[in-house]
Amino acid sequence: MLPQLGATIDTVKTGADVVSYSTKGKSLTDRFLSYATDKDCKLYNLFIYGLICEEKKLYTEIATSPHNYTLD
């Protein structure tokens, strides 16, 4: 019973990781580590940069619009 449950949990997590990675670029483990450390974490970074987590980068997005809105 327990080996089947473990295999089922592993299959579900793998499927969730695929969906998460394809939509957000991070696995569930990456997202948990980022949340827990308040940093930007990806396990893949360990192989590229030697670090899993780095400080979050702040991006400011300036929206430009052809319309001028005013409050009267």
N, C-alpha and C. Protein backbone atom coordinates (compact mmCIF):
# COMPACT_ATOMS: atom_id res chain seq x y z
N MET A 1 0.82 -1.20 0.00
CA MET A 1 0.00 0.00 0.00
C MET A 1 0.86 1.26 0.00
N LEU A 2 1.85 1.33 0.90
CA LEU A 2 2.68 2.54 0.98
C LEU A 2 3.53 2.77 -0.27
N PRO A 3 4.13 1.73 -0.88
CA PRO A 3 4.88 2.00 -2.11
C PRO A 3 3.99 2.56 -3.22
N GLN A 4 2.77 2.09 -3.30
CA GLN A 4 1.85 2.60 -4.32
C GLN A 4 1.51 4.06 -4.04
N LEU A 5 1.31 4.40 -2.78
CA LEU A 5 1.00 5.78 -2.40
C LEU A 5 2.18 6.69 -2.73
N GLY A 6 3.38 6.22 -2.43
CA GLY A 6 4.58 7.00 -2.73
C GLY A 6 4.73 7.23 -4.23
N ALA A 7 4.46 6.20 -5.01
CA ALA A 7 4.56 6.33 -6.47
C ALA A 7 3.50 7.30 -6.99
N THR A 8 2.31 7.25 -6.41
CA THR A 8 1.24 8.15 -6.83
C THR A 8 1.59 9.60 -6.49
N ILE A 9 2.10 9.83 -5.29
CA ILE A 9 2.50 11.18 -4.89
C ILE A 9 3.62 11.69 -5.80
N ASP A 10 4.58 10.84 -6.12
CA ASP A 10 5.69 11.22 -6.98
C ASP A 10 5.18 11.58 -8.38
N THR A 11 4.24 10.81 -8.90
CA THR A 11 3.67 11.09 -10.22
C THR A 11 2.92 12.42 -10.24
N VAL A 12 2.13 12.66 -9.19
CA VAL A 12 1.38 13.92 -9.10
C VAL A 12 2.32 15.10 -8.99
N LYS A 13 3.37 14.98 -8.16
CA LYS A 13 4.32 16.09 -8.01
C LYS A 13 5.07 16.34 -9.32
N THR A 14 5.45 15.30 -10.00
CA THR A 14 6.14 15.47 -11.28
C THR A 14 5.25 16.19 -12.28
N GLY A 15 3.99 15.81 -12.35
CA GLY A 15 3.04 16.49 -13.23
C GLY A 15 2.88 17.95 -12.85
N ALA A 16 2.77 18.23 -11.55
CA ALA A 16 2.63 19.60 -11.07
C ALA A 16 3.90 20.40 -11.36
N ASP A 17 5.07 19.76 -11.24
CA ASP A 17 6.34 20.43 -11.57
C ASP A 17 6.39 20.81 -13.05
N VAL A 18 5.92 19.92 -13.91
CA VAL A 18 5.92 20.20 -15.35
C VAL A 18 5.04 21.41 -15.64
N VAL A 19 3.85 21.43 -15.06
CA VAL A 19 2.93 22.56 -15.28
C VAL A 19 3.54 23.84 -14.71
N SER A 20 4.06 23.77 -13.49
CA SER A 20 4.65 24.95 -12.85
C SER A 20 5.83 25.47 -13.65
N TYR A 21 6.70 24.57 -14.09
CA TYR A 21 7.90 25.00 -14.83
C TYR A 21 7.52 25.59 -16.19
N SER A 22 6.52 25.01 -16.83
CA SER A 22 6.15 25.51 -18.16
C SER A 22 5.42 26.86 -18.08
N THR A 23 4.77 27.14 -16.95
CA THR A 23 4.05 28.41 -16.83
C THR A 23 4.84 29.47 -16.09
N LYS A 24 5.62 29.10 -15.10
CA LYS A 24 6.34 30.06 -14.26
C LYS A 24 7.85 29.98 -14.36
N GLY A 25 8.37 28.94 -15.00
CA GLY A 25 9.82 28.80 -15.12
C GLY A 25 10.49 28.26 -13.87
N LYS A 26 9.69 27.75 -12.92
CA LYS A 26 10.23 27.19 -11.69
C LYS A 26 9.45 25.95 -11.30
N SER A 27 10.14 24.98 -10.69
CA SER A 27 9.47 23.81 -10.16
C SER A 27 8.80 24.16 -8.84
N LEU A 28 8.01 23.25 -8.31
CA LEU A 28 7.38 23.49 -7.01
C LEU A 28 8.44 23.64 -5.92
N THR A 29 9.51 22.86 -6.02
CA THR A 29 10.60 22.96 -5.04
C THR A 29 11.27 24.33 -5.13
N ASP A 30 11.51 24.81 -6.35
CA ASP A 30 12.09 26.15 -6.54
C ASP A 30 11.19 27.21 -5.92
N ARG A 31 9.91 27.08 -6.16
CA ARG A 31 8.95 28.07 -5.64
C ARG A 31 8.90 28.03 -4.11
N PHE A 32 8.95 26.82 -3.53
CA PHE A 32 8.96 26.71 -2.07
C PHE A 32 10.22 27.32 -1.49
N LEU A 33 11.37 27.02 -2.09
CA LEU A 33 12.63 27.58 -1.59
C LEU A 33 12.62 29.11 -1.71
N SER A 34 12.10 29.63 -2.81
CA SER A 34 12.02 31.08 -2.98
C SER A 34 11.13 31.70 -1.91
N TYR A 35 10.02 31.07 -1.63
CA TYR A 35 9.10 31.57 -0.61
C TYR A 35 9.74 31.50 0.78
N ALA A 36 10.38 30.39 1.09
CA ALA A 36 10.95 30.17 2.42
C ALA A 36 12.15 31.09 2.70
N THR A 37 12.92 31.41 1.67
CA THR A 37 14.12 32.22 1.87
C THR A 37 13.94 33.68 1.47
N ASP A 38 12.83 33.99 0.83
CA ASP A 38 12.56 35.33 0.28
C ASP A 38 13.66 35.74 -0.70
N LYS A 39 14.13 34.75 -1.47
CA LYS A 39 15.13 34.97 -2.51
C LYS A 39 14.62 34.33 -3.80
N ASP A 40 15.35 34.52 -4.87
CA ASP A 40 15.02 33.90 -6.15
C ASP A 40 15.81 32.61 -6.25
N CYS A 41 15.13 31.46 -6.14
CA CYS A 41 15.81 30.17 -6.08
C CYS A 41 15.43 29.28 -7.26
N LYS A 42 16.43 28.60 -7.81
CA LYS A 42 16.24 27.57 -8.83
C LYS A 42 17.33 26.52 -8.61
N LEU A 43 16.94 25.28 -8.47
CA LEU A 43 17.92 24.22 -8.27
C LEU A 43 18.87 24.12 -9.45
N TYR A 44 18.38 24.42 -10.65
CA TYR A 44 19.20 24.38 -11.86
C TYR A 44 20.39 25.34 -11.76
N ASN A 45 20.22 26.46 -11.04
CA ASN A 45 21.31 27.44 -10.89
C ASN A 45 22.53 26.83 -10.22
N LEU A 46 22.35 25.79 -9.42
CA LEU A 46 23.48 25.14 -8.75
C LEU A 46 24.49 24.64 -9.77
N PHE A 47 24.02 24.11 -10.89
CA PHE A 47 24.91 23.57 -11.91
C PHE A 47 25.55 24.67 -12.77
N ILE A 48 24.86 25.80 -12.89
CA ILE A 48 25.36 26.88 -13.74
C ILE A 48 26.23 27.86 -12.95
N TYR A 49 25.72 28.31 -11.79
CA TYR A 49 26.39 29.37 -11.02
C TYR A 49 27.00 28.90 -9.70
N GLY A 50 26.68 27.69 -9.29
CA GLY A 50 27.18 27.19 -8.02
C GLY A 50 26.35 27.63 -6.82
N LEU A 51 25.28 28.36 -7.07
CA LEU A 51 24.36 28.81 -6.01
C LEU A 51 22.93 28.46 -6.41
N ILE A 52 22.13 28.12 -5.44
CA ILE A 52 20.72 27.83 -5.72
C ILE A 52 19.90 29.11 -5.68
N CYS A 53 20.16 29.96 -4.68
CA CYS A 53 19.36 31.17 -4.48
C CYS A 53 20.20 32.43 -4.65
N GLU A 54 19.54 33.48 -5.12
CA GLU A 54 20.17 34.79 -5.21
C GLU A 54 19.16 35.83 -4.75
N GLU A 55 19.66 36.99 -4.46
CA GLU A 55 18.76 38.06 -4.03
C GLU A 55 17.76 38.37 -5.15
N LYS A 56 16.57 38.72 -4.75
CA LYS A 56 15.54 39.07 -5.74
C LYS A 56 15.92 40.37 -6.43
N LYS A 57 15.63 40.42 -7.71
CA LYS A 57 15.84 41.64 -8.48
C LYS A 57 14.51 42.37 -8.56
N LEU A 58 14.56 43.65 -8.38
CA LEU A 58 13.34 44.44 -8.48
C LEU A 58 13.25 45.04 -9.88
N TYR A 59 12.14 44.81 -10.50
CA TYR A 59 11.91 45.34 -11.83
C TYR A 59 10.79 46.38 -11.76
N THR A 60 11.04 47.51 -12.33
CA THR A 60 10.02 48.55 -12.39
C THR A 60 9.54 48.62 -13.82
N GLU A 61 8.25 48.48 -13.96
CA GLU A 61 7.69 48.51 -15.30
C GLU A 61 6.94 49.82 -15.46
N ILE A 62 7.29 50.56 -16.46
CA ILE A 62 6.62 51.82 -16.73
C ILE A 62 5.70 51.60 -17.92
N ALA A 63 4.43 51.77 -17.66
CA ALA A 63 3.44 51.59 -18.73
C ALA A 63 3.25 52.91 -19.45
N THR A 64 3.34 52.84 -20.73
CA THR A 64 3.08 54.03 -21.52
C THR A 64 1.77 53.82 -22.26
N SER A 65 1.01 54.84 -22.31
CA SER A 65 -0.30 54.74 -22.95
C SER A 65 -0.49 55.91 -23.89
N PRO A 66 -1.12 55.67 -25.03
CA PRO A 66 -1.39 56.78 -25.93
C PRO A 66 -2.51 57.67 -25.42
N HIS A 67 -3.16 57.25 -24.35
CA HIS A 67 -4.28 58.02 -23.80
C HIS A 67 -3.82 58.81 -22.59
N ASN A 68 -4.30 59.99 -22.46
CA ASN A 68 -4.04 60.80 -21.28
C ASN A 68 -5.29 60.79 -20.42
N TYR A 69 -5.16 60.21 -19.26
CA TYR A 69 -6.30 60.15 -18.35
C TYR A 69 -6.13 61.21 -17.27
N THR A 70 -7.18 61.88 -16.95
CA THR A 70 -7.15 62.87 -15.88
C THR A 70 -8.35 62.67 -14.98
N LEU A 71 -8.16 62.99 -13.74
CA LEU A 71 -9.26 62.95 -12.78
C LEU A 71 -9.79 64.36 -12.59
N ASP A 72 -11.04 64.57 -12.84
CA ASP A 72 -11.63 65.91 -12.68
C ASP A 72 -12.24 66.06 -11.31
